[in-house]
Protein backbone atom coordinates (compact mmCIF):
# COMPACT_ATOMS: atom_id res chain seq x y z
CA MET A 1 41.91 -6.43 47.05
CA ILE A 2 43.70 -6.08 43.85
CA GLN A 3 46.51 -8.43 42.80
CA ARG A 4 49.34 -5.75 43.48
CA ASP A 5 48.02 -5.47 47.19
CA LEU A 6 48.26 -9.06 47.61
CA GLU A 7 51.77 -9.49 46.10
CA GLU A 8 52.97 -6.44 48.21
CA ARG A 9 51.42 -7.91 51.43
CA ASP A 10 53.28 -11.22 50.65
CA LEU A 11 56.57 -9.56 50.36
CA LEU A 12 55.88 -7.33 53.52
CA ARG A 13 55.58 -10.54 55.45
CA LYS A 14 58.52 -12.13 53.89
CA ALA A 15 60.60 -9.02 54.42
CA ARG A 16 59.54 -8.81 57.94
CA ARG A 17 60.72 -12.43 58.65
CA GLY A 18 64.13 -11.38 57.15
CA ASP A 19 63.97 -12.30 53.71
CA GLU A 20 66.47 -9.91 51.97
CA ALA A 21 65.26 -10.34 48.41
CA ALA A 22 61.66 -9.75 49.38
CA THR A 23 62.90 -6.52 51.32
CA ARG A 24 64.71 -5.22 48.29
CA LEU A 25 61.78 -6.03 45.78
CA LEU A 26 59.29 -4.29 48.18
CA TYR A 27 61.49 -1.28 48.36
CA ALA A 28 61.93 -1.18 44.48
CA ARG A 29 58.28 -1.40 43.98
CA ILE A 30 57.04 1.12 46.67
CA ALA A 31 59.70 3.56 47.37
CA PRO A 32 60.02 5.46 44.15
CA SER A 33 56.39 6.68 44.45
CA LEU A 34 56.92 7.34 47.98
CA LEU A 35 59.94 9.35 47.24
CA VAL A 36 58.00 11.65 44.82
CA TYR A 37 55.20 11.91 47.35
CA ALA A 38 57.55 12.90 50.19
CA ARG A 39 59.42 15.37 48.09
CA SER A 40 55.80 17.15 47.22
CA ILE A 41 55.48 17.60 50.92
CA LEU A 42 59.06 18.50 51.70
CA ARG A 43 60.33 20.02 48.45
CA ASP A 44 63.69 18.65 49.32
CA ALA A 45 65.01 15.35 47.68
CA ASP A 46 67.49 14.58 50.75
CA LEU A 47 64.72 14.91 53.22
CA ALA A 48 62.29 13.03 51.27
CA GLU A 49 64.73 10.00 51.11
CA ASP A 50 64.98 10.40 55.06
CA ALA A 51 61.27 10.47 55.34
CA VAL A 52 60.95 7.13 53.18
CA GLN A 53 63.63 5.38 54.80
CA GLY A 54 61.96 6.27 58.25
CA ALA A 55 58.72 4.77 56.92
CA PHE A 56 60.51 1.49 56.00
CA LEU A 57 62.37 1.47 59.31
CA ARG A 58 58.98 1.77 61.10
CA MET A 59 57.69 -1.23 59.31
CA PHE A 60 60.48 -3.27 60.48
CA ARG A 61 59.95 -2.36 63.95
CA MET A 62 56.44 -3.74 63.71
CA SER A 63 55.73 -6.93 65.31
CA VAL A 64 55.12 -9.93 63.05
CA ARG A 65 51.52 -10.41 64.51
CA LYS A 66 50.74 -6.54 63.51
CA ILE A 67 52.39 -7.33 60.02
CA HIS A 68 49.93 -10.10 59.29
CA GLY A 69 47.07 -7.40 59.85
CA VAL A 70 48.18 -5.09 57.08
CA GLN A 71 45.86 -5.14 54.23
CA CYS A 72 47.82 -2.71 51.97
CA PRO A 73 51.41 -2.19 52.54
CA ARG A 74 51.51 0.69 50.07
CA ALA A 75 48.74 2.62 51.93
CA MET A 76 50.52 1.85 55.27
CA LEU A 77 54.03 2.99 53.94
CA ALA A 78 52.25 6.25 52.30
CA ALA A 79 50.80 6.95 55.66
CA TRP A 80 54.05 6.68 57.63
CA THR A 81 55.89 8.57 54.98
CA ARG A 82 53.29 11.35 55.10
CA SER A 83 53.78 11.23 58.98
CA GLU A 84 57.60 11.47 58.70
CA SER A 85 57.38 14.23 56.26
CA LEU A 86 54.96 16.46 58.15
CA THR A 87 57.21 15.93 61.47
CA MET A 88 60.28 16.96 59.30
CA LEU A 89 58.41 19.98 58.19
CA ARG A 90 57.29 20.97 61.67
CA THR A 91 60.89 20.52 62.96
CA GLN A 92 62.44 22.53 60.23
CA ARG A 93 59.85 25.27 60.80
CA ARG A 94 60.47 25.47 64.65
CA ARG A 95 64.23 25.42 63.71
CA GLU A 96 63.73 28.27 61.41
CA THR A 97 61.79 30.28 63.70
CA ARG A 98 64.17 29.88 66.36
CA GLU A 99 67.22 30.84 64.25
CA GLY A 100 65.32 33.54 62.14
CA ALA A 101 66.60 31.70 58.99
CA TRP A 102 63.78 32.75 56.60
CA ARG A 103 66.29 33.92 53.80
CA ILE A 104 68.31 30.59 54.13
CA ARG A 105 65.05 28.67 53.79
CA ASP A 106 64.15 30.41 50.56
CA GLU A 107 67.33 29.73 49.06
CA GLN A 108 67.41 26.01 50.02
CA ARG A 109 63.78 25.83 48.56
CA ARG A 110 64.96 27.31 45.26
CA MET A 111 67.95 24.84 45.01
CA SER A 112 65.90 21.78 45.93
CA MET A 113 63.43 22.62 43.11
CA GLN A 114 66.00 21.70 40.58
CA GLY A 115 65.85 18.04 41.66
CA TRP A 116 61.89 18.28 41.54
CA GLU A 117 62.28 19.47 37.92
CA VAL A 118 63.74 16.27 36.88
CA ASP A 119 60.59 14.34 38.11
CA LEU A 120 57.97 16.12 36.26
CA VAL A 121 57.97 18.20 33.02
CA GLY A 122 58.09 21.98 33.00
CA GLU A 123 54.52 23.64 33.17
CA VAL A 124 52.78 20.59 34.77
CA ARG A 125 55.35 20.43 37.61
CA GLN A 126 55.21 24.21 38.36
CA ALA A 127 51.20 23.94 38.11
CA VAL A 128 51.52 21.06 40.57
CA ASP A 129 53.89 22.62 42.92
CA ALA A 130 51.72 25.73 43.12
CA LEU A 131 48.63 23.72 44.44
CA PRO A 132 47.86 23.97 48.11
CA ARG A 133 49.47 21.14 49.96
CA GLN A 134 46.29 19.03 50.46
CA LEU A 135 45.51 19.13 46.71
CA ARG A 136 49.06 18.64 45.74
CA GLU A 137 49.05 15.40 47.98
CA VAL A 138 46.24 14.01 46.38
CA VAL A 139 47.55 14.44 42.83
CA VAL A 140 50.88 12.86 43.71
CA LEU A 141 49.19 9.98 45.39
CA LYS A 142 46.68 9.47 42.63
CA HIS A 143 49.12 9.94 39.50
CA VAL A 144 52.63 9.15 40.68
CA ALA A 145 52.07 6.61 43.54
CA GLN A 146 49.06 5.09 41.58
CA MET A 147 47.03 4.79 44.47
CA THR A 148 43.16 4.38 44.55
CA PHE A 149 40.95 6.65 46.67
CA ASP A 150 40.46 3.88 49.06
CA GLN A 151 44.25 3.39 49.55
CA MET A 152 44.66 7.18 49.91
CA SER A 153 41.84 7.19 52.49
CA LEU A 154 43.96 4.51 54.50
CA ALA A 155 47.09 6.48 54.01
CA ILE A 156 46.03 9.89 54.99
CA GLY A 157 42.92 9.38 57.18
CA VAL A 158 40.72 11.34 54.92
CA SER A 159 37.30 10.11 53.52
CA ARG A 160 37.16 8.64 50.13
CA ASN A 161 34.55 11.29 48.96
CA THR A 162 36.64 14.05 50.35
CA LEU A 163 39.82 12.89 48.44
CA ALA A 164 37.69 12.57 45.39
CA ALA A 165 36.52 16.26 45.68
CA ARG A 166 40.01 17.35 46.24
CA HIS A 167 41.18 15.48 43.06
CA ARG A 168 38.45 17.11 41.15
CA ARG A 169 39.26 20.52 42.46
CA ALA A 170 43.19 19.77 41.92
CA MET A 171 42.51 18.85 38.35
CA ASP A 172 40.45 21.99 37.76
CA GLN A 173 43.06 24.15 39.16
CA LEU A 174 45.78 22.42 36.96
CA ARG A 175 43.71 22.94 33.83
CA GLN A 176 43.13 26.61 34.49
CA SER A 177 46.73 27.13 35.38
CA ILE A 178 48.31 25.34 32.48
CA SER A 179 45.65 26.98 30.10
CA HIS A 180 46.34 30.19 31.27
CA ASP A 181 50.17 29.85 31.23
CA ALA A 182 49.96 28.44 27.70
CA LYS A 183 47.74 31.52 26.61
CA VAL A 184 50.18 33.79 28.26
CA ARG A 185 53.24 32.24 26.38
CA GLY A 186 51.04 32.04 22.89
CA ARG A 187 50.75 28.27 22.71
CA THR A 188 47.80 26.96 21.40
CA ASP A 189 48.85 23.14 21.61
CA VAL A 190 48.07 22.89 25.44
CA VAL A 191 44.41 23.02 26.74
């Protein structure tokens, strides 16, 4: 177990016992990367905030006994953020299907992309956004949330080897996409 996991586990236990300073510190350490992760799934900054807050609320509903069994709070919260985000997506899709609001969804997606552009830089952001969800998820967890493959495995319930393969495939696709886009624009500084 790495030092960061031990510190976050200690903060989690203190936060669950009502220590407000520990709660704030735990949120400050973990929430920013979870927000980017949720936004990569939902493609909406407001929904991403709701998903992360839902994950933290779920943490506070856990019994103290269960909290003591948590080995990696970051992975647990990432798993819950993923669950909250996917539930929101399913709910949103059902609503859109019922209402027949496909045009509205496309407009909302275009508008929410403006917030996403602030988080990542131009071509890389576009290339990551174009990846399939499963590959995009691994890239965000690895490079934004700075999670190990073992932590990601705990968070999303997929084997470490599968995640490593997805990561390699995502990096290959990103390399090809960015390289292709650079050639189209006549840039030679991007490879």
